[in-house]
N, C-alpha and C. Protein backbone atom coordinates (compact mmCIF):
# COMPACT_ATOMS: atom_id res chain seq x y z
N MET A 1 1.36 -1.18 -0.04
CA MET A 1 -0.45 -0.33 0.03
C MET A 1 0.43 1.34 -0.03
N SER A 2 0.44 2.07 -0.99
CA SER A 2 1.45 3.37 -0.48
C SER A 2 0.96 4.13 0.31
N GLU A 3 2.17 5.42 0.26
CA GLU A 3 1.71 6.33 1.81
C GLU A 3 1.39 7.80 1.39
N PRO A 4 0.54 8.06 2.22
CA PRO A 4 0.24 9.09 1.55
C PRO A 4 0.90 10.64 1.39
N ALA A 5 0.64 10.89 0.56
CA ALA A 5 1.57 12.46 0.21
C ALA A 5 1.63 12.68 1.01
N GLY A 6 3.33 13.70 1.57
CA GLY A 6 3.90 14.61 2.77
C GLY A 6 4.60 13.22 3.14
N CYS A 7 4.18 12.29 3.09
CA CYS A 7 5.36 11.91 4.02
C CYS A 7 6.94 10.81 3.67
N SER A 8 8.07 10.03 4.79
CA SER A 8 8.67 9.46 3.81
C SER A 8 8.29 8.63 2.81
N GLY A 9 8.80 8.57 1.74
CA GLY A 9 9.47 7.05 1.14
C GLY A 9 9.63 6.23 1.62
N ALA A 10 10.02 4.79 0.67
CA ALA A 10 11.02 3.82 1.03
C ALA A 10 12.77 4.16 1.31
N HIS A 11 13.03 5.32 0.12
CA HIS A 11 14.20 5.69 0.18
C HIS A 11 15.04 7.35 1.54
N GLY A 12 14.13 7.58 2.20
CA GLY A 12 13.85 8.39 2.90
C GLY A 12 13.81 10.02 2.52
N ARG A 13 13.40 9.74 1.23
CA ARG A 13 12.94 11.15 0.68
C ARG A 13 11.84 10.94 0.68
N ARG A 14 10.82 12.69 1.19
CA ARG A 14 9.59 13.15 1.28
C ARG A 14 9.75 13.61 0.48
N ARG A 15 7.75 13.20 -0.03
CA ARG A 15 6.88 13.31 -0.67
C ARG A 15 6.23 14.50 -0.52
N VAL A 16 6.49 15.29 -2.24
CA VAL A 16 5.61 16.59 -1.52
C VAL A 16 4.37 16.29 -1.92
N ARG A 17 3.32 17.30 -0.75
CA ARG A 17 1.80 17.55 -0.07
C ARG A 17 1.10 17.50 -1.73
N ARG A 18 -0.11 16.73 -3.04
CA ARG A 18 -0.50 16.89 -4.09
C ARG A 18 -1.99 18.28 -3.22
N SER A 19 -0.74 19.40 -3.07
CA SER A 19 -1.80 20.75 -2.33
C SER A 19 -2.30 21.49 -3.10
N PRO A 20 -3.77 22.45 -3.51
CA PRO A 20 -3.85 23.72 -3.72
C PRO A 20 -3.02 24.35 -3.71
N ALA A 21 -2.42 24.28 -2.69
CA ALA A 21 -1.71 25.28 -2.02
C ALA A 21 -0.79 26.44 -3.09
N TRP A 22 0.04 24.96 -3.88
CA TRP A 22 1.01 25.14 -4.95
C TRP A 22 0.47 25.79 -6.15
N LEU A 23 -0.73 25.34 -6.70
CA LEU A 23 -0.83 26.51 -7.58
C LEU A 23 -1.72 27.61 -7.12
N GLY A 24 -1.81 27.84 -5.58
CA GLY A 24 -2.45 29.00 -5.46
C GLY A 24 -0.56 30.14 -5.30
N LEU A 25 0.26 29.70 -5.24
CA LEU A 25 1.53 30.32 -5.26
C LEU A 25 1.86 30.91 -6.31
N ASP A 26 1.74 29.64 -7.57
CA ASP A 26 1.81 29.83 -9.05
C ASP A 26 0.36 31.19 -9.25
N VAL A 27 -0.24 31.11 -8.95
CA VAL A 27 -1.10 32.24 -9.43
C VAL A 27 -1.10 33.26 -8.48
N LEU A 28 -0.54 33.26 -7.32
CA LEU A 28 0.26 34.47 -6.71
C LEU A 28 1.37 35.07 -7.13
N VAL A 29 1.90 34.65 -8.15
CA VAL A 29 3.22 35.40 -8.45
C VAL A 29 2.74 35.68 -9.74
N VAL A 30 2.14 35.12 -10.82
CA VAL A 30 0.92 36.48 -11.77
C VAL A 30 0.30 37.29 -11.06
N VAL A 31 -0.73 36.91 -10.30
CA VAL A 31 -0.97 38.17 -9.64
C VAL A 31 -0.30 39.74 -9.18
N ALA A 32 1.24 38.61 -8.17
CA ALA A 32 2.21 39.89 -7.69
C ALA A 32 2.53 40.96 -8.92
N PHE A 33 2.76 39.72 -10.33
CA PHE A 33 3.07 40.88 -11.64
C PHE A 33 2.60 41.79 -11.77
N VAL A 34 0.86 41.27 -12.05
CA VAL A 34 0.49 42.17 -12.43
C VAL A 34 0.35 43.49 -11.96
N LEU A 35 0.14 43.14 -10.63
CA LEU A 35 0.15 44.45 -9.40
C LEU A 35 0.65 45.37 -10.11
N ALA A 36 2.47 44.77 -9.62
CA ALA A 36 3.45 45.34 -9.53
C ALA A 36 3.53 46.03 -10.91
N GLY A 37 3.22 45.35 -12.48
CA GLY A 37 3.21 46.38 -13.81
C GLY A 37 2.56 47.12 -13.22
N SER A 38 0.87 47.18 -12.82
CA SER A 38 0.00 47.67 -13.01
C SER A 38 0.30 49.37 -12.27
N ARG A 39 0.48 48.86 -11.26
CA ARG A 39 1.30 50.08 -9.92
C ARG A 39 2.67 51.12 -10.59
N GLU A 40 2.99 49.88 -11.66
CA GLU A 40 4.23 51.02 -12.25
C GLU A 40 3.99 51.98 -13.19
N HIS A 41 2.75 51.77 -14.29
CA HIS A 41 2.49 51.89 -15.09
C HIS A 41 0.95 53.31 -15.04
N ASP A 42 0.94 53.02 -13.29
CA ASP A 42 -0.79 53.62 -13.48
C ASP A 42 -1.77 53.10 -14.34
N SER A 43 -2.27 51.45 -14.17
CA SER A 43 -2.58 51.78 -15.48
C SER A 43 -3.59 50.40 -15.39
N ALA A 44 -4.00 50.49 -13.30
CA ALA A 44 -5.14 50.06 -12.91
C ALA A 44 -5.71 50.57 -13.14
N ASP A 45 -7.06 49.89 -13.44
CA ASP A 45 -8.87 50.88 -13.03
C ASP A 45 -9.39 49.67 -11.62
N GLY A 46 -8.83 49.53 -10.99
CA GLY A 46 -9.38 48.52 -9.51
C GLY A 46 -8.97 47.23 -10.35
N LEU A 47 -10.13 46.51 -9.91
CA LEU A 47 -10.29 44.86 -10.04
C LEU A 47 -10.70 44.71 -11.34
N ALA A 48 -11.14 45.96 -11.48
CA ALA A 48 -11.89 44.96 -13.35
C ALA A 48 -10.43 45.51 -14.24
N GLY A 49 -9.78 46.24 -13.97
CA GLY A 49 -8.08 46.76 -14.63
C GLY A 49 -7.39 45.42 -14.54
N LEU A 50 -6.92 44.93 -12.92
CA LEU A 50 -6.15 44.19 -12.58
C LEU A 50 -6.55 42.72 -13.99
N PHE A 51 -8.21 42.51 -13.37
CA PHE A 51 -8.65 41.09 -13.79
C PHE A 51 -8.18 41.60 -15.86
N ARG A 52 -8.84 42.66 -15.96
CA ARG A 52 -8.13 42.47 -17.87
C ARG A 52 -7.07 42.39 -17.94
N ILE A 53 -6.12 42.90 -17.47
CA ILE A 53 -4.50 42.49 -17.06
C ILE A 53 -4.38 41.17 -17.16
N GLY A 54 -4.40 40.59 -15.73
CA GLY A 54 -3.95 39.40 -15.67
C GLY A 54 -4.53 38.30 -15.82
N TRP A 55 -5.98 38.18 -16.91
CA TRP A 55 -6.41 37.13 -16.90
C TRP A 55 -5.86 35.92 -18.05
N PRO A 56 -4.90 37.16 -18.89
CA PRO A 56 -4.07 36.04 -19.97
C PRO A 56 -3.19 34.74 -19.57
N PHE A 57 -2.57 35.87 -18.22
CA PHE A 57 -1.29 35.08 -17.90
C PHE A 57 -2.16 33.69 -16.86
N LEU A 58 -2.87 33.94 -16.12
CA LEU A 58 -3.37 32.99 -15.30
C LEU A 58 -3.95 31.38 -16.38
N ALA A 59 -4.59 32.47 -17.45
CA ALA A 59 -5.51 31.01 -18.12
C ALA A 59 -3.91 30.04 -18.96
N GLY A 60 -2.90 31.28 -19.21
CA GLY A 60 -1.30 30.40 -19.61
C GLY A 60 -0.70 29.18 -18.65
N LEU A 61 -1.05 29.76 -17.34
CA LEU A 61 -0.34 29.56 -16.38
C LEU A 61 -1.21 27.59 -16.39
N LEU A 62 -2.34 27.87 -16.24
CA LEU A 62 -4.01 26.65 -16.19
C LEU A 62 -3.76 25.83 -16.61
N LEU A 63 -3.51 26.72 -18.57
CA LEU A 63 -2.65 25.64 -19.83
C LEU A 63 -1.59 24.77 -19.24
N GLY A 64 -0.43 25.14 -18.84
CA GLY A 64 0.89 24.76 -18.35
C GLY A 64 0.31 23.60 -17.01
N TRP A 65 -0.31 24.15 -15.72
CA TRP A 65 -0.70 23.14 -15.10
C TRP A 65 -1.26 22.02 -16.23
N VAL A 66 -2.18 21.89 -16.47
CA VAL A 66 -2.84 21.45 -17.22
C VAL A 66 -1.76 20.30 -18.41
N LEU A 67 -1.35 21.02 -19.21
CA LEU A 67 0.11 19.94 -19.58
C LEU A 67 0.79 19.82 -19.22
N THR A 68 1.33 20.08 -18.44
CA THR A 68 2.54 19.03 -16.84
C THR A 68 1.75 18.10 -16.02
N GLN A 69 0.44 18.51 -16.07
CA GLN A 69 -0.06 17.31 -14.46
C GLN A 69 0.68 18.11 -13.65
N ALA A 70 0.77 18.88 -13.56
CA ALA A 70 1.84 19.53 -12.01
C ALA A 70 0.96 19.06 -10.66
N TRP A 71 -0.52 19.14 -10.85
CA TRP A 71 -0.59 18.65 -9.52
C TRP A 71 -0.03 16.84 -8.91
N ARG A 72 0.84 16.61 -9.88
CA ARG A 72 1.48 15.45 -9.69
C ARG A 72 2.50 15.89 -8.93
N ALA A 73 3.24 16.55 -9.51
CA ALA A 73 4.77 16.75 -9.31
C ALA A 73 5.18 18.52 -8.96
N PRO A 74 3.89 19.76 -8.45
CA PRO A 74 3.93 20.97 -8.70
C PRO A 74 5.25 21.30 -8.28
N VAL A 75 6.34 20.80 -7.52
CA VAL A 75 7.76 21.84 -7.02
C VAL A 75 8.16 21.74 -7.86
N ALA A 76 8.31 20.86 -9.23
CA ALA A 76 9.69 20.11 -9.99
C ALA A 76 9.91 21.06 -10.53
N VAL A 77 11.36 21.68 -10.77
CA VAL A 77 11.49 22.74 -11.79
C VAL A 77 11.37 22.53 -12.84
N PHE A 78 11.89 21.02 -13.35
CA PHE A 78 11.80 20.60 -15.00
C PHE A 78 10.97 19.37 -14.56
N PRO A 79 10.74 19.07 -15.37
CA PRO A 79 9.30 19.97 -17.03
C PRO A 79 8.40 20.53 -16.45
N VAL A 80 7.84 20.33 -15.17
CA VAL A 80 6.59 21.91 -14.52
C VAL A 80 6.87 22.86 -15.07
N GLY A 81 7.95 23.41 -13.48
CA GLY A 81 8.39 24.98 -13.46
C GLY A 81 8.69 25.42 -15.52
N LEU A 82 9.21 24.09 -15.89
CA LEU A 82 9.65 25.51 -16.61
C LEU A 82 8.67 25.33 -18.02
N VAL A 83 7.34 24.60 -18.00
CA VAL A 83 6.81 24.58 -18.97
C VAL A 83 5.73 25.56 -18.61
N VAL A 84 5.30 25.69 -17.55
CA VAL A 84 4.23 26.47 -16.42
C VAL A 84 4.69 28.22 -16.85
N TRP A 85 5.75 28.40 -16.74
CA TRP A 85 6.37 29.60 -17.12
C TRP A 85 6.34 29.88 -18.57
N VAL A 86 6.72 28.95 -19.42
CA VAL A 86 6.64 29.00 -20.46
C VAL A 86 4.77 29.35 -21.14
N SER A 87 4.46 28.60 -20.42
CA SER A 87 2.83 28.88 -21.30
C SER A 87 1.88 30.00 -20.67
N THR A 88 2.71 30.28 -19.14
CA THR A 88 2.36 31.27 -18.54
C THR A 88 2.36 32.44 -19.90
N VAL A 89 3.59 32.92 -19.66
CA VAL A 89 4.45 34.27 -20.82
C VAL A 89 3.42 33.60 -22.53
N GLY A 90 3.95 32.64 -22.63
CA GLY A 90 3.42 32.30 -24.65
C GLY A 90 1.89 32.66 -24.10
N GLY A 91 0.85 31.32 -23.83
CA GLY A 91 -0.45 31.54 -23.64
C GLY A 91 -0.94 33.07 -23.21
N GLY A 92 0.11 33.73 -21.95
CA GLY A 92 -0.34 35.16 -21.66
C GLY A 92 -0.29 36.19 -23.44
N MET A 93 0.78 35.91 -23.82
CA MET A 93 0.67 36.61 -25.47
C MET A 93 0.18 36.77 -25.97
N LEU A 94 -0.34 35.33 -26.47
CA LEU A 94 -1.31 35.32 -27.45
C LEU A 94 -2.42 35.49 -27.25
N LEU A 95 -2.79 35.44 -25.82
CA LEU A 95 -4.50 35.89 -25.59
C LEU A 95 -4.39 37.35 -25.91
N ARG A 96 -3.45 38.15 -25.06
CA ARG A 96 -3.10 39.37 -25.35
C ARG A 96 -3.43 39.67 -26.53
N THR A 97 -3.07 39.53 -27.20
CA THR A 97 -2.84 39.61 -29.17
C THR A 97 -4.13 39.42 -29.23
N ALA A 98 -4.87 38.55 -29.03
CA ALA A 98 -6.05 38.23 -29.57
C ALA A 98 -7.25 38.85 -29.29
N VAL A 99 -6.63 39.73 -28.24
CA VAL A 99 -8.56 40.34 -27.38
C VAL A 99 -7.71 42.14 -27.62
N GLY A 100 -6.99 42.26 -29.19
CA GLY A 100 -6.04 43.18 -29.15
C GLY A 100 -5.51 43.96 -28.08
N GLU A 101 -4.77 43.46 -26.93
CA GLU A 101 -4.27 43.98 -26.30
C GLU A 101 -2.60 44.45 -26.57
N GLY A 102 -1.50 45.01 -26.02
CA GLY A 102 -0.70 45.36 -26.34
C GLY A 102 0.37 43.80 -26.15
N THR A 103 1.47 43.92 -26.73
CA THR A 103 2.32 43.17 -26.57
C THR A 103 3.90 43.64 -27.35
N ALA A 104 4.72 44.71 -26.91
CA ALA A 104 5.90 45.43 -27.23
C ALA A 104 6.65 44.19 -27.17
N ALA A 105 7.89 44.24 -27.76
CA ALA A 105 8.80 43.14 -27.72
C ALA A 105 9.67 43.99 -26.56
N SER A 106 9.99 44.28 -25.31
CA SER A 106 9.76 44.96 -24.57
C SER A 106 9.16 44.54 -23.15
N PHE A 107 7.79 44.28 -23.60
CA PHE A 107 7.21 44.07 -23.00
C PHE A 107 6.98 42.54 -22.78
N ILE A 108 7.25 41.90 -23.46
CA ILE A 108 7.64 40.02 -24.16
C ILE A 108 8.75 39.51 -22.94
N LEU A 109 9.65 40.60 -22.97
CA LEU A 109 10.99 40.27 -22.74
C LEU A 109 10.73 40.99 -20.71
N VAL A 110 9.97 42.18 -20.10
CA VAL A 110 10.14 42.17 -18.89
C VAL A 110 8.81 41.01 -18.55
N THR A 111 8.26 40.62 -19.47
CA THR A 111 7.55 39.17 -18.37
C THR A 111 8.13 38.40 -18.65
N ALA A 112 8.46 37.76 -19.63
CA ALA A 112 9.70 36.78 -19.04
C ALA A 112 10.36 36.40 -18.68
N ALA A 113 10.90 37.38 -18.50
CA ALA A 113 12.29 37.23 -17.10
C ALA A 113 11.78 37.41 -15.61
N VAL A 114 10.55 38.49 -15.56
CA VAL A 114 10.36 38.40 -13.91
C VAL A 114 9.19 36.70 -13.54
N LEU A 115 8.90 36.61 -15.00
CA LEU A 115 7.43 35.46 -14.19
C LEU A 115 8.60 33.89 -14.12
N GLY A 116 10.06 34.35 -15.15
CA GLY A 116 9.96 33.38 -15.45
C GLY A 116 11.24 33.37 -13.28
N VAL A 117 11.51 34.52 -13.33
CA VAL A 117 11.97 34.51 -11.67
C VAL A 117 11.65 34.01 -10.88
N LEU A 118 10.21 34.08 -10.80
CA LEU A 118 8.61 33.97 -9.86
C LEU A 118 9.02 32.94 -10.20
N THR A 119 8.63 32.22 -11.03
CA THR A 119 7.36 30.78 -11.71
C THR A 119 9.01 30.02 -10.93
N LEU A 120 9.91 30.06 -11.25
CA LEU A 120 11.44 28.85 -11.62
C LEU A 120 11.83 29.53 -9.96
N GLY A 121 11.81 30.54 -9.93
CA GLY A 121 12.43 30.76 -8.06
C GLY A 121 11.72 30.52 -7.37
N TRP A 122 10.52 30.18 -6.82
CA TRP A 122 9.78 29.88 -5.66
C TRP A 122 10.71 28.14 -5.76
N ARG A 123 10.02 27.85 -7.38
CA ARG A 123 10.43 26.15 -7.25
C ARG A 123 12.16 25.45 -6.95
N LEU A 124 13.03 26.41 -6.91
CA LEU A 124 14.41 26.33 -7.10
C LEU A 124 14.70 26.52 -4.63
N VAL A 125 14.23 27.37 -4.69
CA VAL A 125 14.04 27.60 -3.11
C VAL A 125 14.05 26.50 -2.41
N HIS A 126 12.41 26.10 -3.12
CA HIS A 126 12.22 24.51 -2.95
C HIS A 126 12.62 23.61 -2.75
N LEU A 127 13.37 23.67 -3.77
CA LEU A 127 14.39 22.31 -4.33
C LEU A 127 15.77 22.46 -2.93
N ALA A 128 16.21 23.63 -2.86
CA ALA A 128 17.53 23.96 -2.68
C ALA A 128 17.26 23.80 -0.55
N VAL A 129 16.04 24.48 -0.06
CA VAL A 129 15.10 23.87 1.11
C VAL A 129 15.65 22.09 1.46
N SER A 130 15.08 22.38 0.64
CA SER A 130 14.40 19.85 0.87
C SER A 130 15.57 19.55 0.48
N ARG A 131 16.77 20.14 0.18
CA ARG A 131 18.09 19.42 -0.74
C ARG A 131 18.50 19.51 1.40
N LEU A 132 18.65 20.66 1.59
CA LEU A 132 19.52 20.70 2.97
C LEU A 132 18.48 20.10 3.98
N ARG A 133 17.20 20.24 3.60
CA ARG A 133 16.76 19.31 5.25
C ARG A 133 17.00 17.94 4.80
N ARG A 134 17.51 17.50 4.74
CA ARG A 134 17.80 15.41 3.56
C ARG A 134 19.15 15.90 4.34
N ALA A 135 20.04 16.85 4.22
CA ALA A 135 21.40 16.57 4.14
C ALA A 135 21.75 16.29 5.69
N GLY A 136 20.13 17.78 6.61
CA GLY A 136 21.07 17.70 8.30
C GLY A 136 21.27 18.46 8.17
N PRO A 137 21.56 18.54 9.61
CA PRO A 137 22.59 18.95 10.26
C PRO A 137 24.05 19.19 10.04
N SER A 138 25.13 20.01 9.17
CA SER A 138 26.43 19.64 8.90
C SER A 138 27.74 20.30 9.80
N GLY A 139 28.30 19.81 10.23
CA GLY A 139 29.53 20.13 10.51
C GLY A 139 29.40 20.13 12.51
N ALA A 140 28.17 19.14 12.85
CA ALA A 140 28.03 19.60 14.13
C ALA A 140 28.55 18.56 14.67
N ARG A 141 29.22 18.71 16.16
CA ARG A 141 30.07 17.66 16.84
C ARG A 141 29.76 17.76 18.20
């Protein structure tokens, strides 16, 4: 019988819980990006403005989650994090274009950079913390 997610496996490795909180963290990344960009450019018209700017990227994010079945390994940097990042940026830009919103080259580059750092970043931090925990205290005498 398999162990519940979040328990140590046969090799002492902890499995990651399959929690909707991981999707929530990716959503939070996109919302933070949209809020920061809207604030920087004074372009938010309240919640409606934030939704108008953010929905294409949230749709791209969800596409990435579905394509990778991210709920199975939500913290994986590769392929999950990479595909989620690319689909968030690519899907977001395609949807923005489809509805007549701007996709200037500088916007695409900044979007790709910021969402890459944030989307891959939290996964890399999780990976580093997990490895440190597995290694245990080093040098303790």
